[in-house]
């Protein structure tokens, strides 16, 4: 009986650690994507500005 409780606690702790690692990886990917979108938006704004000039 006590071993099953220890095993359940260890498995749930390992599961939370895996979810935490995945959350950090997702957060880093979202930051990188946001940076790339910002760079692309600036490039598009510059290109449209050049096209609108006579």
Protein backbone atom coordinates (compact mmCIF):
# COMPACT_ATOMS: atom_id res chain seq x y z
CA UNK A 1 0.00 0.00 0.00
CA UNK A 2 2.61 2.65 0.86
CA UNK A 3 4.58 1.85 -2.29
CA UNK A 4 1.59 2.54 -4.46
CA UNK A 5 1.15 5.95 -2.86
CA UNK A 6 4.84 6.74 -3.41
CA UNK A 7 4.62 5.55 -7.00
CA UNK A 8 1.53 7.68 -7.63
CA UNK A 9 3.22 10.77 -6.17
CA UNK A 10 6.36 10.16 -8.24
CA UNK A 11 4.40 9.65 -11.44
CA UNK A 12 2.31 12.77 -10.91
CA UNK A 13 5.44 14.79 -10.10
CA UNK A 14 7.14 13.51 -13.26
CA UNK A 15 4.03 14.39 -15.26
CA UNK A 16 4.03 17.93 -13.90
CA UNK A 17 7.72 18.30 -14.73
CA UNK A 18 7.09 17.17 -18.31
CA UNK A 19 4.20 19.62 -18.64
CA UNK A 20 6.41 22.39 -17.27
CA UNK A 21 9.18 21.67 -19.77
CA UNK A 22 6.69 21.62 -22.63
CA UNK A 23 5.20 24.92 -21.45
CA UNK A 24 8.63 26.57 -21.40
CA UNK A 25 9.41 25.27 -24.89
CA UNK A 26 6.07 26.57 -26.17
CA UNK A 27 6.67 29.98 -24.56
CA UNK A 28 10.10 30.23 -26.22
CA UNK A 29 8.66 29.27 -29.61
CA UNK A 30 5.89 31.86 -29.28
CA UNK A 31 8.45 34.55 -28.43
CA UNK A 32 10.53 33.61 -31.47
CA UNK A 33 7.46 33.60 -33.73
CA UNK A 34 6.36 37.00 -32.41
CA UNK A 35 9.81 38.41 -33.11
CA UNK A 36 9.71 37.06 -36.68
CA UNK A 37 6.22 38.47 -37.24
CA UNK A 38 7.40 41.86 -36.02
CA UNK A 39 10.36 41.79 -38.37
CA UNK A 40 8.14 40.80 -41.30
CA UNK A 41 5.65 43.56 -40.47
CA UNK A 42 8.45 46.15 -40.49
CA UNK A 43 9.72 44.85 -43.82
CA UNK A 44 6.22 45.00 -45.32
CA UNK A 45 5.71 48.52 -44.03
CA UNK A 46 9.00 49.64 -45.59
CA UNK A 47 8.17 47.96 -48.90
CA UNK A 48 4.72 49.53 -49.04
CA UNK A 49 6.25 52.91 -48.24
CA UNK A 50 8.68 52.55 -51.13
CA UNK A 51 5.87 51.54 -53.50
CA UNK A 52 3.69 54.49 -52.56
CA UNK A 53 6.41 57.04 -53.30
CA UNK A 54 6.21 58.64 -56.76
